[in-house]
């Protein structure tokens, strides 16, 4: 893994987070959840670029990418986020339960 490239990618993500936070003061309230979803997609892209992905994260990124490029209503975005959060929680529970058993 190239540490400079990784630092550059993460530095750009920090800048995106800061400017997103600043922009939220002038944006509609419903834009916040989309910005956070977008950030999750960007972080998953960084993970993939640095060999830190796996099939679950690749599928998650594909779902987020589809949502980012679509034109969902706030209700549809909320439903998608509910589903993604539940899937993520199940995946983490499975991963940590397995790793704790082998520790």
PDB file of N, CA and C in Angstrom:
ATOM      1  N   UNK A   1       0.849  -1.179   0.000  1.00  0.00           N
ATOM      2  CA  UNK A   1       0.000   0.000   0.000  1.00  0.00           C
ATOM      3  C   UNK A   1       0.891   1.237   0.000  1.00  0.00           C
ATOM      4  N   UNK A   2       0.593   2.161  -0.881  1.00  0.00           N
ATOM      5  CA  UNK A   2       1.345   3.401  -0.975  1.00  0.00           C
ATOM      6  C   UNK A   2       0.818   4.382   0.066  1.00  0.00           C
ATOM      7  N   UNK A   3       1.628   4.652   1.096  1.00  0.00           N
ATOM      8  CA  UNK A   3       1.189   5.513   2.193  1.00  0.00           C
ATOM      9  C   UNK A   3       0.869   6.926   1.733  1.00  0.00           C
ATOM     10  N   UNK A   4       1.642   7.468   0.779  1.00  0.00           N
ATOM     11  CA  UNK A   4       1.378   8.829   0.303  1.00  0.00           C
ATOM     12  C   UNK A   4       0.044   8.902  -0.432  1.00  0.00           C
ATOM     13  N   UNK A   5      -0.221   7.917  -1.258  1.00  0.00           N
ATOM     14  CA  UNK A   5      -1.484   7.867  -1.988  1.00  0.00           C
ATOM     15  C   UNK A   5      -2.669   7.727  -1.016  1.00  0.00           C
ATOM     16  N   UNK A   6      -2.500   6.879  -0.034  1.00  0.00           N
ATOM     17  CA  UNK A   6      -3.539   6.669   0.987  1.00  0.00           C
ATOM     18  C   UNK A   6      -3.784   7.969   1.751  1.00  0.00           C
ATOM     19  N   UNK A   7      -2.709   8.647   2.139  1.00  0.00           N
ATOM     20  CA  UNK A   7      -2.843   9.924   2.850  1.00  0.00           C
ATOM     21  C   UNK A   7      -3.535  10.958   1.959  1.00  0.00           C
ATOM     22  N   UNK A   8      -3.174  11.018   0.686  1.00  0.00           N
ATOM     23  CA  UNK A   8      -3.812  11.952  -0.241  1.00  0.00           C
ATOM     24  C   UNK A   8      -5.312  11.684  -0.338  1.00  0.00           C
ATOM     25  N   UNK A   9      -5.676  10.418  -0.502  1.00  0.00           N
ATOM     26  CA  UNK A   9      -7.089  10.061  -0.612  1.00  0.00           C
ATOM     27  C   UNK A   9      -7.861  10.453   0.648  1.00  0.00           C
ATOM     28  N   UNK A  10      -7.281  10.145   1.796  1.00  0.00           N
ATOM     29  CA  UNK A  10      -7.964  10.481   3.047  1.00  0.00           C
ATOM     30  C   UNK A  10      -8.004  11.987   3.284  1.00  0.00           C
ATOM     31  N   UNK A  11      -6.963  12.697   2.870  1.00  0.00           N
ATOM     32  CA  UNK A  11      -6.952  14.156   3.003  1.00  0.00           C
ATOM     33  C   UNK A  11      -8.063  14.784   2.174  1.00  0.00           C
ATOM     34  N   UNK A  12      -8.263  14.273   0.967  1.00  0.00           N
ATOM     35  CA  UNK A  12      -9.357  14.770   0.136  1.00  0.00           C
ATOM     36  C   UNK A  12     -10.714  14.473   0.758  1.00  0.00           C
ATOM     37  N   UNK A  13     -10.840  13.317   1.396  1.00  0.00           N
ATOM     38  CA  UNK A  13     -12.093  12.977   2.066  1.00  0.00           C
ATOM     39  C   UNK A  13     -12.352  13.923   3.236  1.00  0.00           C
ATOM     40  N   UNK A  14     -11.328  14.246   3.999  1.00  0.00           N
ATOM     41  CA  UNK A  14     -11.473  15.206   5.094  1.00  0.00           C
ATOM     42  C   UNK A  14     -11.945  16.549   4.544  1.00  0.00           C
ATOM     43  N   UNK A  15     -11.358  16.992   3.451  1.00  0.00           N
ATOM     44  CA  UNK A  15     -11.786  18.247   2.836  1.00  0.00           C
ATOM     45  C   UNK A  15     -13.238  18.201   2.401  1.00  0.00           C
ATOM     46  N   UNK A  16     -13.657  17.074   1.840  1.00  0.00           N
ATOM     47  CA  UNK A  16     -15.054  16.915   1.439  1.00  0.00           C
ATOM     48  C   UNK A  16     -15.966  16.996   2.658  1.00  0.00           C
ATOM     49  N   UNK A  17     -15.574  16.348   3.737  1.00  0.00           N
ATOM     50  CA  UNK A  17     -16.389  16.388   4.959  1.00  0.00           C
ATOM     51  C   UNK A  17     -16.496  17.805   5.508  1.00  0.00           C
ATOM     52  N   UNK A  18     -15.386  18.504   5.534  1.00  0.00           N
ATOM     53  CA  UNK A  18     -15.403  19.873   6.062  1.00  0.00           C
ATOM     54  C   UNK A  18     -16.269  20.791   5.206  1.00  0.00           C
ATOM     55  N   UNK A  19     -16.099  20.731   3.898  1.00  0.00           N
ATOM     56  CA  UNK A  19     -16.893  21.605   3.038  1.00  0.00           C
ATOM     57  C   UNK A  19     -18.363  21.187   3.035  1.00  0.00           C
ATOM     58  N   UNK A  20     -18.627  19.907   3.190  1.00  0.00           N
ATOM     59  CA  UNK A  20     -20.016  19.455   3.299  1.00  0.00           C
ATOM     60  C   UNK A  20     -20.661  19.991   4.567  1.00  0.00           C
ATOM     61  N   UNK A  21     -19.933  19.909   5.666  1.00  0.00           N
ATOM     62  CA  UNK A  21     -20.473  20.434   6.929  1.00  0.00           C
ATOM     63  C   UNK A  21     -20.757  21.925   6.806  1.00  0.00           C
ATOM     64  N   UNK A  22     -19.848  22.638   6.193  1.00  0.00           N
ATOM     65  CA  UNK A  22     -20.027  24.082   6.009  1.00  0.00           C
ATOM     66  C   UNK A  22     -21.230  24.372   5.117  1.00  0.00           C
ATOM     67  N   UNK A  23     -21.375  23.608   4.054  1.00  0.00           N
ATOM     68  CA  UNK A  23     -22.458  23.825   3.107  1.00  0.00           C
ATOM     69  C   UNK A  23     -23.832  23.523   3.663  1.00  0.00           C
ATOM     70  N   UNK A  24     -23.902  22.661   4.665  1.00  0.00           N
ATOM     71  CA  UNK A  24     -25.206  22.269   5.202  1.00  0.00           C
ATOM     72  C   UNK A  24     -25.973  23.437   5.816  1.00  0.00           C
ATOM     73  N   UNK A  25     -25.291  24.481   6.200  1.00  0.00           N
ATOM     74  CA  UNK A  25     -25.988  25.641   6.756  1.00  0.00           C
ATOM     75  C   UNK A  25     -26.891  26.304   5.725  1.00  0.00           C
ATOM     76  N   UNK A  26     -26.535  26.196   4.448  1.00  0.00           N
ATOM     77  CA  UNK A  26     -27.283  26.863   3.393  1.00  0.00           C
ATOM     78  C   UNK A  26     -28.120  25.890   2.558  1.00  0.00           C
ATOM     79  N   UNK A  27     -28.010  24.603   2.829  1.00  0.00           N
ATOM     80  CA  UNK A  27     -28.694  23.609   2.019  1.00  0.00           C
ATOM     81  C   UNK A  27     -29.972  23.126   2.699  1.00  0.00           C
ATOM     82  N   UNK A  28     -30.873  22.529   1.924  1.00  0.00           N
ATOM     83  CA  UNK A  28     -32.093  21.971   2.527  1.00  0.00           C
ATOM     84  C   UNK A  28     -31.742  20.870   3.526  1.00  0.00           C
ATOM     85  N   UNK A  29     -32.558  20.699   4.572  1.00  0.00           N
ATOM     86  CA  UNK A  29     -32.258  19.677   5.596  1.00  0.00           C
ATOM     87  C   UNK A  29     -32.097  18.263   5.036  1.00  0.00           C
ATOM     88  N   UNK A  30     -32.835  17.922   4.002  1.00  0.00           N
ATOM     89  CA  UNK A  30     -32.751  16.576   3.448  1.00  0.00           C
ATOM     90  C   UNK A  30     -31.450  16.278   2.726  1.00  0.00           C
ATOM     91  N   UNK A  31     -30.629  17.302   2.528  1.00  0.00           N
ATOM     92  CA  UNK A  31     -29.380  17.089   1.812  1.00  0.00           C
ATOM     93  C   UNK A  31     -28.329  16.416   2.696  1.00  0.00           C
ATOM     94  N   UNK A  32     -28.434  16.569   4.002  1.00  0.00           N
ATOM     95  CA  UNK A  32     -27.468  15.975   4.929  1.00  0.00           C
ATOM     96  C   UNK A  32     -27.335  14.467   4.789  1.00  0.00           C
ATOM     97  N   UNK A  33     -28.458  13.718   4.810  1.00  0.00           N
ATOM     98  CA  UNK A  33     -28.335  12.263   4.661  1.00  0.00           C
ATOM     99  C   UNK A  33     -27.673  11.862   3.349  1.00  0.00           C
ATOM    100  N   UNK A  34     -27.983  12.589   2.263  1.00  0.00           N
ATOM    101  CA  UNK A  34     -27.348  12.270   0.987  1.00  0.00           C
ATOM    102  C   UNK A  34     -25.842  12.510   1.061  1.00  0.00           C
ATOM    103  N   UNK A  35     -25.429  13.608   1.690  1.00  0.00           N
ATOM    104  CA  UNK A  35     -23.993  13.900   1.801  1.00  0.00           C
ATOM    105  C   UNK A  35     -23.271  12.802   2.585  1.00  0.00           C
ATOM    106  N   UNK A  36     -23.890  12.317   3.642  1.00  0.00           N
ATOM    107  CA  UNK A  36     -23.265  11.244   4.419  1.00  0.00           C
ATOM    108  C   UNK A  36     -23.209   9.938   3.628  1.00  0.00           C
ATOM    109  N   UNK A  37     -24.259   9.650   2.872  1.00  0.00           N
ATOM    110  CA  UNK A  37     -24.237   8.473   2.009  1.00  0.00           C
ATOM    111  C   UNK A  37     -23.129   8.612   0.967  1.00  0.00           C
ATOM    112  N   UNK A  38     -23.005   9.777   0.409  1.00  0.00           N
ATOM    113  CA  UNK A  38     -21.947  10.050  -0.564  1.00  0.00           C
ATOM    114  C   UNK A  38     -20.572   9.850   0.074  1.00  0.00           C
ATOM    115  N   UNK A  39     -20.411  10.297   1.293  1.00  0.00           N
ATOM    116  CA  UNK A  39     -19.138  10.127   1.996  1.00  0.00           C
ATOM    117  C   UNK A  39     -18.825   8.649   2.201  1.00  0.00           C
ATOM    118  N   UNK A  40     -19.842   7.858   2.568  1.00  0.00           N
ATOM    119  CA  UNK A  40     -19.632   6.417   2.726  1.00  0.00           C
ATOM    120  C   UNK A  40     -19.166   5.806   1.412  1.00  0.00           C
ATOM    121  N   UNK A  41     -19.762   6.219   0.302  1.00  0.00           N
ATOM    122  CA  UNK A  41     -19.338   5.720  -1.006  1.00  0.00           C
ATOM    123  C   UNK A  41     -17.907   6.112  -1.325  1.00  0.00           C
ATOM    124  N   UNK A  42     -17.546   7.343  -0.995  1.00  0.00           N
ATOM    125  CA  UNK A  42     -16.170   7.794  -1.235  1.00  0.00           C
ATOM    126  C   UNK A  42     -15.176   7.004  -0.383  1.00  0.00           C
ATOM    127  N   UNK A  43     -15.524   6.733   0.857  1.00  0.00           N
ATOM    128  CA  UNK A  43     -14.645   5.963   1.733  1.00  0.00           C
ATOM    129  C   UNK A  43     -14.502   4.530   1.229  1.00  0.00           C
ATOM    130  N   UNK A  44     -15.591   3.942   0.767  1.00  0.00           N
ATOM    131  CA  UNK A  44     -15.505   2.594   0.202  1.00  0.00           C
ATOM    132  C   UNK A  44     -14.631   2.578  -1.051  1.00  0.00           C
ATOM    133  N   UNK A  45     -14.678   3.639  -1.849  1.00  0.00           N
ATOM    134  CA  UNK A  45     -13.810   3.732  -3.029  1.00  0.00           C
ATOM    135  C   UNK A  45     -12.338   3.805  -2.612  1.00  0.00           C
ATOM    136  N   UNK A  46     -12.053   4.548  -1.558  1.00  0.00           N
ATOM    137  CA  UNK A  46     -10.676   4.626  -1.047  1.00  0.00           C
ATOM    138  C   UNK A  46     -10.227   3.249  -0.563  1.00  0.00           C
ATOM    139  N   UNK A  47     -11.115   2.564   0.161  1.00  0.00           N
ATOM    140  CA  UNK A  47     -10.773   1.222   0.636  1.00  0.00           C
ATOM    141  C   UNK A  47     -10.447   0.308  -0.542  1.00  0.00           C
ATOM    142  N   UNK A  48     -11.262   0.359  -1.595  1.00  0.00           N
ATOM    143  CA  UNK A  48     -11.037  -0.487  -2.771  1.00  0.00           C
ATOM    144  C   UNK A  48      -9.725  -0.136  -3.457  1.00  0.00           C
ATOM    145  N   UNK A  49      -9.434   1.151  -3.565  1.00  0.00           N
ATOM    146  CA  UNK A  49      -8.204   1.586  -4.225  1.00  0.00           C
ATOM    147  C   UNK A  49      -6.956   1.130  -3.487  1.00  0.00           C
ATOM    148  N   UNK A  50      -7.101   0.841  -2.211  1.00  0.00           N
ATOM    149  CA  UNK A  50      -5.946   0.451  -1.404  1.00  0.00           C
ATOM    150  C   UNK A  50      -6.028  -1.003  -0.941  1.00  0.00           C
ATOM    151  N   UNK A  51      -6.835  -1.784  -1.654  1.00  0.00           N
ATOM    152  CA  UNK A  51      -6.888  -3.216  -1.396  1.00  0.00           C
ATOM    153  C   UNK A  51      -7.550  -3.599  -0.089  1.00  0.00           C
ATOM    154  N   UNK A  52      -8.434  -2.765   0.410  1.00  0.00           N
ATOM    155  CA  UNK A  52      -9.098  -3.037   1.685  1.00  0.00           C
ATOM    156  C   UNK A  52     -10.573  -3.391   1.501  1.00  0.00           C
ATOM    157  N   UNK A  53     -10.926  -3.831   0.308  1.00  0.00           N
ATOM    158  CA  UNK A  53     -12.309  -4.175   0.052  1.00  0.00           C
ATOM    159  C   UNK A  53     -12.499  -5.681   0.090  1.00  0.00           C
ATOM    160  N   UNK A  54     -13.710  -6.098  -0.004  1.00  0.00           N
ATOM    161  CA  UNK A  54     -14.074  -7.501  -0.081  1.00  0.00           C
ATOM    162  C   UNK A  54     -15.449  -7.549  -0.748  1.00  0.00           C
ATOM    163  N   UNK A  55     -15.988  -8.732  -0.999  1.00  0.00           N
ATOM    164  CA  UNK A  55     -17.269  -8.797  -1.710  1.00  0.00           C
ATOM    165  C   UNK A  55     -18.395  -7.998  -1.042  1.00  0.00           C
ATOM    166  N   UNK A  56     -18.471  -8.031   0.277  1.00  0.00           N
ATOM    167  CA  UNK A  56     -19.530  -7.268   0.953  1.00  0.00           C
ATOM    168  C   UNK A  56     -19.370  -5.779   0.705  1.00  0.00           C
ATOM    169  N   UNK A  57     -18.164  -5.252   0.876  1.00  0.00           N
ATOM    170  CA  UNK A  57     -17.940  -3.826   0.682  1.00  0.00           C
ATOM    171  C   UNK A  57     -18.135  -3.417  -0.781  1.00  0.00           C
ATOM    172  N   UNK A  58     -17.762  -4.287  -1.708  1.00  0.00           N
ATOM    173  CA  UNK A  58     -17.979  -3.996  -3.128  1.00  0.00           C
ATOM    174  C   UNK A  58     -19.474  -3.893  -3.433  1.00  0.00           C
ATOM    175  N   UNK A  59     -20.253  -4.822  -2.898  1.00  0.00           N
ATOM    176  CA  UNK A  59     -21.709  -4.779  -3.106  1.00  0.00           C
ATOM    177  C   UNK A  59     -22.312  -3.537  -2.448  1.00  0.00           C
ATOM    178  N   UNK A  60     -21.846  -3.223  -1.254  1.00  0.00           N
ATOM    179  CA  UNK A  60     -22.334  -2.032  -0.562  1.00  0.00           C
ATOM    180  C   UNK A  60     -22.041  -0.779  -1.382  1.00  0.00           C
ATOM    181  N   UNK A  61     -20.843  -0.695  -1.924  1.00  0.00           N
ATOM    182  CA  UNK A  61     -20.482   0.466  -2.754  1.00  0.00           C
ATOM    183  C   UNK A  61     -21.359   0.548  -3.992  1.00  0.00           C
ATOM    184  N   UNK A  62     -21.644  -0.590  -4.615  1.00  0.00           N
ATOM    185  CA  UNK A  62     -22.520  -0.593  -5.784  1.00  0.00           C
ATOM    186  C   UNK A  62     -23.909  -0.071  -5.436  1.00  0.00           C
ATOM    187  N   UNK A  63     -24.442  -0.487  -4.302  1.00  0.00           N
ATOM    188  CA  UNK A  63     -25.765  -0.008  -3.862  1.00  0.00           C
ATOM    189  C   UNK A  63     -25.732   1.493  -3.596  1.00  0.00           C
ATOM    190  N   UNK A  64     -24.669   1.956  -2.947  1.00  0.00           N
ATOM    191  CA  UNK A  64     -24.539   3.390  -2.661  1.00  0.00           C
ATOM    192  C   UNK A  64     -24.386   4.170  -3.962  1.00  0.00           C
ATOM    193  N   UNK A  65     -23.569   3.666  -4.879  1.00  0.00           N
ATOM    194  CA  UNK A  65     -23.387   4.338  -6.165  1.00  0.00           C
ATOM    195  C   UNK A  65     -24.716   4.460  -6.907  1.00  0.00           C
ATOM    196  N   UNK A  66     -25.517   3.404  -6.883  1.00  0.00           N
ATOM    197  CA  UNK A  66     -26.820   3.437  -7.549  1.00  0.00           C
ATOM    198  C   UNK A  66     -27.711   4.498  -6.911  1.00  0.00           C
ATOM    199  N   UNK A  67     -27.647   4.608  -5.615  1.00  0.00           N
ATOM    200  CA  UNK A  67     -28.461   5.601  -4.904  1.00  0.00           C
ATOM    201  C   UNK A  67     -27.960   7.014  -5.191  1.00  0.00           C
ATOM    202  N   UNK A  68     -26.650   7.176  -5.256  1.00  0.00           N
ATOM    203  CA  UNK A  68     -26.083   8.501  -5.521  1.00  0.00           C
ATOM    204  C   UNK A  68     -26.416   8.988  -6.917  1.00  0.00           C
ATOM    205  N   UNK A  69     -26.504   8.091  -7.876  1.00  0.00           N
ATOM    206  CA  UNK A  69     -26.765   8.514  -9.246  1.00  0.00           C
ATOM    207  C   UNK A  69     -28.252   8.560  -9.570  1.00  0.00           C
ATOM    208  N   UNK A  70     -29.083   8.007  -8.687  1.00  0.00           N
ATOM    209  CA  UNK A  70     -30.525   8.018  -8.902  1.00  0.00           C
ATOM    210  C   UNK A  70     -31.159   9.305  -8.411  1.00  0.00           C
ATOM    211  N   UNK A  71     -32.433   9.383  -8.562  1.00  0.00           N
ATOM    212  CA  UNK A  71     -33.174  10.558  -8.128  1.00  0.00           C
ATOM    213  C   UNK A  71     -34.263  10.120  -7.156  1.00  0.00           C
ATOM    214  N   UNK A  72     -33.862   9.622  -6.006  1.00  0.00           N
ATOM    215  CA  UNK A  72     -34.800   9.130  -5.012  1.00  0.00           C
ATOM    216  C   UNK A  72     -35.419  10.279  -4.241  1.00  0.00           C
ATOM    217  N   UNK A  73     -36.615  10.020  -3.786  1.00  0.00           N
ATOM    218  CA  UNK A  73     -37.255  10.968  -2.879  1.00  0.00           C
ATOM    219  C   UNK A  73     -36.635  10.786  -1.498  1.00  0.00           C
ATOM    220  N   UNK A  74     -36.945  11.708  -0.606  1.00  0.00           N
ATOM    221  CA  UNK A  74     -36.418  11.581   0.758  1.00  0.00           C
ATOM    222  C   UNK A  74     -36.906  10.295   1.416  1.00  0.00           C
ATOM    223  N   UNK A  75     -38.145   9.910   1.136  1.00  0.00           N
ATOM    224  CA  UNK A  75     -38.699   8.682   1.716  1.00  0.00           C
ATOM    225  C   UNK A  75     -37.972   7.450   1.175  1.00  0.00           C
ATOM    226  N   UNK A  76     -37.678   7.456  -0.126  1.00  0.00           N
ATOM    227  CA  UNK A  76     -36.948   6.330  -0.725  1.00  0.00           C
ATOM    228  C   UNK A  76     -35.529   6.258  -0.186  1.00  0.00           C
ATOM    229  N   UNK A  77     -34.887   7.408  -0.026  1.00  0.00           N
ATOM    230  CA  UNK A  77     -33.539   7.425   0.529  1.00  0.00           C
ATOM    231  C   UNK A  77     -33.550   6.903   1.962  1.00  0.00           C
ATOM    232  N   UNK A  78     -34.537   7.306   2.733  1.00  0.00           N
ATOM    233  CA  UNK A  78     -34.651   6.828   4.118  1.00  0.00           C
ATOM    234  C   UNK A  78     -34.809   5.308   4.150  1.00  0.00           C
ATOM    235  N   UNK A  79     -35.653   4.769   3.286  1.00  0.00           N
ATOM    236  CA  UNK A  79     -35.856   3.320   3.239  1.00  0.00           C
ATOM    237  C   UNK A  79     -34.569   2.594   2.839  1.00  0.00           C
ATOM    238  N   UNK A  80     -33.861   3.145   1.861  1.00  0.00           N
ATOM    239  CA  UNK A  80     -32.588   2.546   1.440  1.00  0.00           C
ATOM    240  C   UNK A  80     -31.585   2.581   2.574  1.00  0.00           C
ATOM    241  N   UNK A  81     -31.496   3.713   3.264  1.00  0.00           N
ATOM    242  CA  UNK A  81     -30.553   3.818   4.386  1.00  0.00           C
ATOM    243  C   UNK A  81     -30.920   2.852   5.504  1.00  0.00           C
ATOM    244  N   UNK A  82     -32.214   2.681   5.773  1.00  0.00           N
ATOM    245  CA  UNK A  82     -32.642   1.697   6.784  1.00  0.00           C
ATOM    246  C   UNK A  82     -32.137   0.307   6.403  1.00  0.00           C
ATOM    247  N   UNK A  83     -32.345  -0.056   5.147  1.00  0.00           N
ATOM    248  CA  UNK A  83     -31.932  -1.374   4.674  1.00  0.00           C
ATOM    249  C   UNK A  83     -30.411  -1.538   4.720  1.00  0.00           C
ATOM    250  N   UNK A  84     -29.675  -0.523   4.246  1.00  0.00           N
ATOM    251  CA  UNK A  84     -28.210  -0.614   4.259  1.00  0.00           C
ATOM    252  C   UNK A  84     -27.663  -0.718   5.682  1.00  0.00           C
ATOM    253  N   UNK A  85     -28.244   0.033   6.601  1.00  0.00           N
ATOM    254  CA  UNK A  85     -27.796  -0.030   8.000  1.00  0.00           C
ATOM    255  C   UNK A  85     -28.040  -1.407   8.597  1.00  0.00           C
ATOM    256  N   UNK A  86     -29.200  -2.000   8.285  1.00  0.00           N
ATOM    257  CA  UNK A  86     -29.492  -3.343   8.796  1.00  0.00           C
ATOM    258  C   UNK A  86     -28.535  -4.372   8.212  1.00  0.00           C
ATOM    259  N   UNK A  87     -28.269  -4.283   6.915  1.00  0.00           N
ATOM    260  CA  UNK A  87     -27.322  -5.207   6.284  1.00  0.00           C
ATOM    261  C   UNK A  87     -25.926  -5.050   6.878  1.00  0.00           C
ATOM    262  N   UNK A  88     -25.530  -3.811   7.089  1.00  0.00           N
ATOM    263  CA  UNK A  88     -24.197  -3.545   7.635  1.00  0.00           C
ATOM    264  C   UNK A  88     -24.083  -4.095   9.055  1.00  0.00           C
ATOM    265  N   UNK A  89     -25.112  -3.896   9.855  1.00  0.00           N
ATOM    266  CA  UNK A  89     -25.102  -4.407  11.231  1.00  0.00           C
ATOM    267  C   UNK A  89     -25.018  -5.932  11.240  1.00  0.00           C
ATOM    268  N   UNK A  90     -25.783  -6.584  10.368  1.00  0.00           N
ATOM    269  CA  UNK A  90     -25.718  -8.053  10.289  1.00  0.00           C
ATOM    270  C   UNK A  90     -24.324  -8.518   9.883  1.00  0.00           C
ATOM    271  N   UNK A  91     -23.720  -7.816   8.910  1.00  0.00           N
ATOM    272  CA  UNK A  91     -22.389  -8.199   8.442  1.00  0.00           C
ATOM    273  C   UNK A  91     -21.346  -8.029   9.545  1.00  0.00           C
ATOM    274  N   UNK A  92     -21.404  -6.907  10.254  1.00  0.00           N
ATOM    275  CA  UNK A  92     -20.438  -6.689  11.338  1.00  0.00           C
ATOM    276  C   UNK A  92     -20.625  -7.696  12.461  1.00  0.00           C
ATOM    277  N   UNK A  93     -21.873  -8.004  12.772  1.00  0.00           N
ATOM    278  CA  UNK A  93     -22.141  -9.004  13.813  1.00  0.00           C
ATOM    279  C   UNK A  93     -21.545 -10.343  13.410  1.00  0.00           C
ATOM    280  N   UNK A  94     -21.748 -10.714  12.144  1.00  0.00           N
ATOM    281  CA  UNK A  94     -21.195 -11.980  11.647  1.00  0.00           C
ATOM    282  C   UNK A  94     -19.671 -11.958  11.700  1.00  0.00           C
ATOM    283  N   UNK A  95     -19.069 -10.865  11.242  1.00  0.00           N
ATOM    284  CA  UNK A  95     -17.603 -10.783  11.215  1.00  0.00           C
ATOM    285  C   UNK A  95     -17.004 -10.792  12.615  1.00  0.00           C
ATOM    286  N   UNK A  96     -17.557 -10.024  13.503  1.00  0.00           N
ATOM    287  CA  UNK A  96     -16.985  -9.945  14.847  1.00  0.00           C
ATOM    288  C   UNK A  96     -17.293 -11.185  15.665  1.00  0.00           C
ATOM    289  N   UNK A  97     -18.432 -11.806  15.434  1.00  0.00           N
ATOM    290  CA  UNK A  97     -18.737 -13.043  16.141  1.00  0.00           C
ATOM    291  C   UNK A  97     -17.753 -14.124  15.738  1.00  0.00           C
ATOM    292  N   UNK A  98     -17.454 -14.201  14.435  1.00  0.00           N
ATOM    293  CA  UNK A  98     -16.495 -15.191  13.959  1.00  0.00           C
ATOM    294  C   UNK A  98     -15.084 -14.902  14.460  1.00  0.00           C
ATOM    295  N   UNK A  99     -14.691 -13.644  14.452  1.00  0.00           N
ATOM    296  CA  UNK A  99     -13.323 -13.326  14.872  1.00  0.00           C
ATOM    297  C   UNK A  99     -13.157 -13.546  16.374  1.00  0.00           C
ATOM    298  N   UNK A 100     -14.192 -13.298  17.154  1.00  0.00           N
ATOM    299  CA  UNK A 100     -14.091 -13.507  18.606  1.00  0.00           C
ATOM    300  C   UNK A 100     -14.008 -14.977  18.944  1.00  0.00           C
ATOM    301  N   UNK A 101     -14.680 -15.825  18.153  1.00  0.00           N
ATOM    302  CA  UNK A 101     -14.622 -17.272  18.378  1.00  0.00           C
ATOM    303  C   UNK A 101     -13.234 -17.826  18.123  1.00  0.00           C
ATOM    304  N   UNK A 102     -12.498 -17.207  17.196  1.00  0.00           N
ATOM    305  CA  UNK A 102     -11.167 -17.688  16.838  1.00  0.00           C
ATOM    306  C   UNK A 102     -10.052 -17.016  17.623  1.00  0.00           C
ATOM    307  N   UNK A 103     -10.391 -16.106  18.498  1.00  0.00           N
ATOM    308  CA  UNK A 103      -9.365 -15.405  19.272  1.00  0.00           C
ATOM    309  C   UNK A 103      -8.883 -16.209  20.438  1.00  0.00           C
TER     310      UNK A 103
END
